[in-house]
Amino acid sequence: MKQYHQEYLTRFEQASSKGISAVHLQEYRAFIAKLDGAIKQQESVVAASKQNHSVKKDTWRSKHTRTEALSKVVDRYERAEKKEEERSEQKESDDRSQRRPGSLGSE
């Protein structure tokens, strides 16, 4: 839109250098003012969008970091639980093998 604004200003300057009526001059100025307003409005929308994006990105990063930390904690507990289950199963297996008739421990 800024490029269009600049092109329009260039055309206005070219036309005014050749002579322009007061009505056309007013029309050019009114149109330029509308373009300026539209550009400012769009710049405001873009700035607000960038700000919103920045806030959302920071929030996402924070939550993502927390999720990763919690995931590591869960993994650690799952590994510890699995290790404990394996120890328990090994102990049960050892106890069963010791209770079998004819095993080395009962002679």
N, C-alpha and C. Protein backbone atom coordinates (compact mmCIF):
# COMPACT_ATOMS: atom_id res chain seq x y z
N MET A 1 0.82 -1.19 0.00
CA MET A 1 0.00 0.00 0.00
C MET A 1 0.87 1.26 0.00
N LYS A 2 2.01 1.17 0.68
CA LYS A 2 2.91 2.33 0.70
C LYS A 2 3.46 2.62 -0.70
N GLN A 3 3.71 1.55 -1.43
CA GLN A 3 4.21 1.73 -2.80
C GLN A 3 3.15 2.42 -3.66
N TYR A 4 1.91 1.99 -3.51
CA TYR A 4 0.81 2.61 -4.25
C TYR A 4 0.70 4.08 -3.86
N HIS A 5 0.84 4.36 -2.57
CA HIS A 5 0.79 5.73 -2.08
C HIS A 5 1.87 6.57 -2.75
N GLN A 6 3.08 6.03 -2.80
CA GLN A 6 4.20 6.75 -3.42
C GLN A 6 3.96 6.97 -4.92
N GLU A 7 3.46 5.94 -5.59
CA GLU A 7 3.16 6.07 -7.02
C GLU A 7 2.11 7.15 -7.25
N TYR A 8 1.10 7.18 -6.41
CA TYR A 8 0.04 8.17 -6.54
C TYR A 8 0.59 9.57 -6.31
N LEU A 9 1.48 9.72 -5.32
CA LEU A 9 2.10 11.02 -5.07
C LEU A 9 2.94 11.46 -6.27
N THR A 10 3.66 10.52 -6.87
CA THR A 10 4.48 10.83 -8.05
C THR A 10 3.59 11.31 -9.19
N ARG A 11 2.49 10.59 -9.41
CA ARG A 11 1.55 11.01 -10.47
C ARG A 11 0.95 12.38 -10.17
N PHE A 12 0.67 12.63 -8.88
CA PHE A 12 0.13 13.92 -8.49
C PHE A 12 1.13 15.03 -8.78
N GLU A 13 2.39 14.80 -8.44
CA GLU A 13 3.43 15.80 -8.69
C GLU A 13 3.59 16.07 -10.18
N GLN A 14 3.55 15.01 -10.97
CA GLN A 14 3.66 15.17 -12.43
C GLN A 14 2.48 15.97 -12.98
N ALA A 15 1.29 15.64 -12.51
CA ALA A 15 0.09 16.33 -12.99
C ALA A 15 0.08 17.79 -12.53
N SER A 16 0.49 18.02 -11.29
CA SER A 16 0.45 19.39 -10.78
C SER A 16 1.52 20.27 -11.43
N SER A 17 2.61 19.67 -11.89
CA SER A 17 3.63 20.47 -12.55
C SER A 17 3.15 20.97 -13.91
N LYS A 18 2.18 20.27 -14.50
CA LYS A 18 1.61 20.69 -15.79
C LYS A 18 0.43 21.62 -15.59
N GLY A 19 -0.01 21.74 -14.35
CA GLY A 19 -1.17 22.58 -14.08
C GLY A 19 -2.36 21.68 -13.76
N ILE A 20 -3.05 22.00 -12.70
CA ILE A 20 -4.17 21.16 -12.26
C ILE A 20 -5.26 22.06 -11.72
N SER A 21 -6.49 21.67 -11.90
CA SER A 21 -7.60 22.49 -11.42
C SER A 21 -7.74 22.32 -9.90
N ALA A 22 -8.40 23.29 -9.31
CA ALA A 22 -8.60 23.26 -7.86
C ALA A 22 -9.42 22.04 -7.44
N VAL A 23 -10.37 21.63 -8.26
CA VAL A 23 -11.21 20.46 -7.95
C VAL A 23 -10.34 19.19 -7.94
N HIS A 24 -9.51 19.04 -8.99
CA HIS A 24 -8.63 17.88 -9.05
C HIS A 24 -7.62 17.88 -7.90
N LEU A 25 -7.13 19.07 -7.55
CA LEU A 25 -6.20 19.19 -6.44
C LEU A 25 -6.86 18.71 -5.14
N GLN A 26 -8.09 19.12 -4.91
CA GLN A 26 -8.82 18.69 -3.72
C GLN A 26 -9.06 17.18 -3.73
N GLU A 27 -9.39 16.66 -4.91
CA GLU A 27 -9.63 15.22 -5.03
C GLU A 27 -8.34 14.43 -4.74
N TYR A 28 -7.22 14.89 -5.28
CA TYR A 28 -5.93 14.25 -5.01
C TYR A 28 -5.62 14.28 -3.52
N ARG A 29 -5.78 15.44 -2.92
CA ARG A 29 -5.48 15.58 -1.49
C ARG A 29 -6.40 14.70 -0.64
N ALA A 30 -7.66 14.64 -0.99
CA ALA A 30 -8.60 13.82 -0.23
C ALA A 30 -8.23 12.34 -0.35
N PHE A 31 -7.85 11.94 -1.57
CA PHE A 31 -7.49 10.55 -1.78
C PHE A 31 -6.20 10.21 -1.03
N ILE A 32 -5.22 11.10 -1.08
CA ILE A 32 -3.96 10.91 -0.36
C ILE A 32 -4.23 10.80 1.14
N ALA A 33 -5.13 11.65 1.64
CA ALA A 33 -5.47 11.60 3.07
C ALA A 33 -6.11 10.24 3.41
N LYS A 34 -6.98 9.73 2.53
CA LYS A 34 -7.58 8.42 2.77
C LYS A 34 -6.52 7.32 2.75
N LEU A 35 -5.59 7.42 1.79
CA LEU A 35 -4.50 6.44 1.74
C LEU A 35 -3.65 6.49 3.02
N ASP A 36 -3.33 7.71 3.46
CA ASP A 36 -2.55 7.87 4.69
C ASP A 36 -3.28 7.23 5.88
N GLY A 37 -4.57 7.47 5.96
CA GLY A 37 -5.38 6.89 7.04
C GLY A 37 -5.39 5.37 6.97
N ALA A 38 -5.56 4.83 5.77
CA ALA A 38 -5.58 3.37 5.60
C ALA A 38 -4.22 2.76 5.96
N ILE A 39 -3.16 3.45 5.55
CA ILE A 39 -1.81 2.95 5.87
C ILE A 39 -1.59 2.95 7.38
N LYS A 40 -1.97 4.03 8.05
CA LYS A 40 -1.81 4.10 9.51
C LYS A 40 -2.64 3.03 10.21
N GLN A 41 -3.84 2.82 9.72
CA GLN A 41 -4.70 1.79 10.31
C GLN A 41 -4.07 0.41 10.14
N GLN A 42 -3.57 0.12 8.95
CA GLN A 42 -2.94 -1.19 8.71
C GLN A 42 -1.66 -1.35 9.53
N GLU A 43 -0.89 -0.28 9.66
CA GLU A 43 0.32 -0.34 10.48
C GLU A 43 -0.05 -0.63 11.94
N SER A 44 -1.14 -0.05 12.39
CA SER A 44 -1.61 -0.28 13.75
C SER A 44 -2.04 -1.74 13.93
N VAL A 45 -2.74 -2.29 12.94
CA VAL A 45 -3.16 -3.70 12.99
C VAL A 45 -1.93 -4.62 12.99
N VAL A 46 -0.96 -4.31 12.15
CA VAL A 46 0.25 -5.12 12.09
C VAL A 46 1.01 -5.05 13.42
N ALA A 47 1.13 -3.87 13.99
CA ALA A 47 1.83 -3.71 15.27
C ALA A 47 1.11 -4.49 16.37
N ALA A 48 -0.21 -4.41 16.41
CA ALA A 48 -0.97 -5.15 17.42
C ALA A 48 -0.81 -6.65 17.21
N SER A 49 -0.81 -7.08 15.96
CA SER A 49 -0.63 -8.50 15.66
C SER A 49 0.75 -8.98 16.09
N LYS A 50 1.77 -8.16 15.83
CA LYS A 50 3.13 -8.53 16.24
C LYS A 50 3.22 -8.63 17.76
N GLN A 51 2.61 -7.68 18.45
CA GLN A 51 2.62 -7.70 19.91
C GLN A 51 1.91 -8.94 20.42
N ASN A 52 0.74 -9.23 19.86
CA ASN A 52 -0.03 -10.40 20.26
C ASN A 52 0.76 -11.68 19.99
N HIS A 53 1.40 -11.72 18.85
CA HIS A 53 2.21 -12.89 18.49
C HIS A 53 3.35 -13.07 19.49
N SER A 54 3.99 -11.98 19.85
CA SER A 54 5.10 -12.03 20.79
C SER A 54 4.63 -12.57 22.15
N VAL A 55 3.50 -12.07 22.62
CA VAL A 55 2.96 -12.52 23.91
C VAL A 55 2.62 -14.01 23.83
N LYS A 56 1.94 -14.41 22.76
CA LYS A 56 1.55 -15.82 22.60
C LYS A 56 2.78 -16.72 22.49
N LYS A 57 3.80 -16.24 21.80
CA LYS A 57 5.03 -17.01 21.63
C LYS A 57 5.73 -17.20 22.98
N ASP A 58 5.78 -16.13 23.78
CA ASP A 58 6.39 -16.23 25.11
C ASP A 58 5.61 -17.20 26.00
N THR A 59 4.29 -17.13 25.93
CA THR A 59 3.44 -18.04 26.70
C THR A 59 3.68 -19.47 26.27
N TRP A 60 3.74 -19.69 24.96
CA TRP A 60 3.98 -21.04 24.44
C TRP A 60 5.33 -21.55 24.91
N ARG A 61 6.36 -20.72 24.81
CA ARG A 61 7.70 -21.15 25.25
C ARG A 61 7.69 -21.56 26.71
N SER A 62 7.05 -20.75 27.53
CA SER A 62 6.98 -21.04 28.96
C SER A 62 6.28 -22.37 29.21
N LYS A 63 5.15 -22.56 28.56
CA LYS A 63 4.40 -23.81 28.74
C LYS A 63 5.15 -25.00 28.15
N HIS A 64 5.81 -24.78 27.05
CA HIS A 64 6.58 -25.86 26.43
C HIS A 64 7.73 -26.29 27.34
N THR A 65 8.41 -25.32 27.92
CA THR A 65 9.51 -25.62 28.84
C THR A 65 8.98 -26.41 30.05
N ARG A 66 7.85 -25.98 30.58
CA ARG A 66 7.24 -26.69 31.72
C ARG A 66 6.84 -28.10 31.31
N THR A 67 6.26 -28.25 30.14
CA THR A 67 5.85 -29.58 29.66
C THR A 67 7.06 -30.50 29.54
N GLU A 68 8.14 -29.98 28.98
CA GLU A 68 9.35 -30.79 28.86
C GLU A 68 9.89 -31.20 30.22
N ALA A 69 9.88 -30.28 31.17
CA ALA A 69 10.37 -30.59 32.52
C ALA A 69 9.49 -31.66 33.16
N LEU A 70 8.18 -31.50 33.05
CA LEU A 70 7.27 -32.48 33.63
C LEU A 70 7.42 -33.84 32.94
N SER A 71 7.64 -33.81 31.65
CA SER A 71 7.84 -35.05 30.91
C SER A 71 9.07 -35.79 31.40
N LYS A 72 10.13 -35.05 31.70
CA LYS A 72 11.35 -35.67 32.23
C LYS A 72 11.10 -36.28 33.60
N VAL A 73 10.33 -35.58 34.43
CA VAL A 73 10.01 -36.10 35.76
C VAL A 73 9.19 -37.39 35.63
N VAL A 74 8.20 -37.39 34.76
CA VAL A 74 7.38 -38.58 34.54
C VAL A 74 8.25 -39.73 34.05
N ASP A 75 9.14 -39.46 33.10
CA ASP A 75 10.04 -40.50 32.60
C ASP A 75 10.89 -41.07 33.72
N ARG A 76 11.41 -40.20 34.56
CA ARG A 76 12.24 -40.65 35.68
C ARG A 76 11.45 -41.56 36.62
N TYR A 77 10.23 -41.16 36.96
CA TYR A 77 9.39 -41.99 37.84
C TYR A 77 9.03 -43.31 37.17
N GLU A 78 8.74 -43.28 35.87
CA GLU A 78 8.42 -44.52 35.16
C GLU A 78 9.61 -45.47 35.16
N ARG A 79 10.81 -44.94 34.94
CA ARG A 79 12.01 -45.79 34.97
C ARG A 79 12.22 -46.37 36.37
N ALA A 80 12.03 -45.56 37.40
CA ALA A 80 12.20 -46.03 38.78
C ALA A 80 11.15 -47.11 39.09
N GLU A 81 9.93 -46.89 38.65
CA GLU A 81 8.87 -47.86 38.88
C GLU A 81 9.17 -49.18 38.17
N LYS A 82 9.64 -49.09 36.94
CA LYS A 82 9.98 -50.29 36.18
C LYS A 82 11.13 -51.03 36.86
N LYS A 83 12.11 -50.30 37.33
CA LYS A 83 13.26 -50.90 38.01
C LYS A 83 12.78 -51.62 39.27
N GLU A 84 11.89 -50.99 40.01
CA GLU A 84 11.35 -51.59 41.22
C GLU A 84 10.56 -52.85 40.89
N GLU A 85 9.75 -52.81 39.82
CA GLU A 85 9.02 -54.00 39.40
C GLU A 85 9.97 -55.13 39.05
N GLU A 86 11.05 -54.79 38.32
CA GLU A 86 12.03 -55.82 37.95
C GLU A 86 12.70 -56.41 39.18
N ARG A 87 13.03 -55.59 40.18
CA ARG A 87 13.62 -56.08 41.42
C ARG A 87 12.65 -57.02 42.15
N SER A 88 11.39 -56.57 42.18
CA SER A 88 10.38 -57.37 42.86
C SER A 88 10.19 -58.71 42.16
N GLU A 89 10.12 -58.71 40.84
CA GLU A 89 9.97 -59.95 40.08
C GLU A 89 11.19 -60.86 40.29
N GLN A 90 12.36 -60.27 40.31
CA GLN A 90 13.58 -61.06 40.53
C GLN A 90 13.57 -61.68 41.92
N LYS A 91 13.13 -60.91 42.90
CA LYS A 91 13.07 -61.42 44.28
C LYS A 91 12.07 -62.57 44.36
N GLU A 92 10.90 -62.39 43.74
CA GLU A 92 9.91 -63.47 43.74
C GLU A 92 10.47 -64.71 43.05
N SER A 93 11.14 -64.53 41.96
CA SER A 93 11.74 -65.64 41.23
C SER A 93 12.79 -66.34 42.09
N ASP A 94 13.60 -65.55 42.76
CA ASP A 94 14.63 -66.12 43.64
C ASP A 94 13.98 -66.89 44.79
N ASP A 95 12.93 -66.33 45.37
CA ASP A 95 12.22 -66.98 46.48
C ASP A 95 11.60 -68.30 46.03
N ARG A 96 10.98 -68.31 44.84
CA ARG A 96 10.37 -69.53 44.31
C ARG A 96 11.43 -70.61 44.07
N SER A 97 12.54 -70.19 43.50
CA SER A 97 13.58 -71.17 43.20
C SER A 97 14.16 -71.76 44.49
N GLN A 98 14.17 -71.00 45.56
CA GLN A 98 14.67 -71.50 46.84
C GLN A 98 13.67 -72.43 47.52
N ARG A 99 12.40 -72.28 47.26
CA ARG A 99 11.36 -73.10 47.87
C ARG A 99 11.11 -74.39 47.11
N ARG A 100 11.59 -74.56 45.93
CA ARG A 100 11.36 -75.78 45.13
C ARG A 100 11.98 -76.99 45.83
N PRO A 101 11.26 -78.06 45.81
CA PRO A 101 11.84 -79.28 46.39
C PRO A 101 13.01 -79.72 45.53
N GLY A 102 14.00 -80.15 46.12
CA GLY A 102 15.17 -80.62 45.41
C GLY A 102 16.10 -79.52 44.98
N SER A 103 15.79 -78.28 45.37
CA SER A 103 16.70 -77.21 45.01
C SER A 103 17.90 -77.25 45.91
N LEU A 104 18.95 -76.64 45.54
CA LEU A 104 20.21 -76.69 46.27
C LEU A 104 20.08 -76.13 47.67
N GLY A 105 19.23 -75.18 47.87
CA GLY A 105 19.10 -74.52 49.16
C GLY A 105 18.39 -75.38 50.18
N SER A 106 17.62 -76.43 49.81
CA SER A 106 16.84 -77.20 50.78
C SER A 106 17.49 -78.52 51.15
N GLU A 107 18.66 -78.85 50.71
CA GLU A 107 19.30 -80.12 51.02
C GLU A 107 19.92 -80.17 52.33
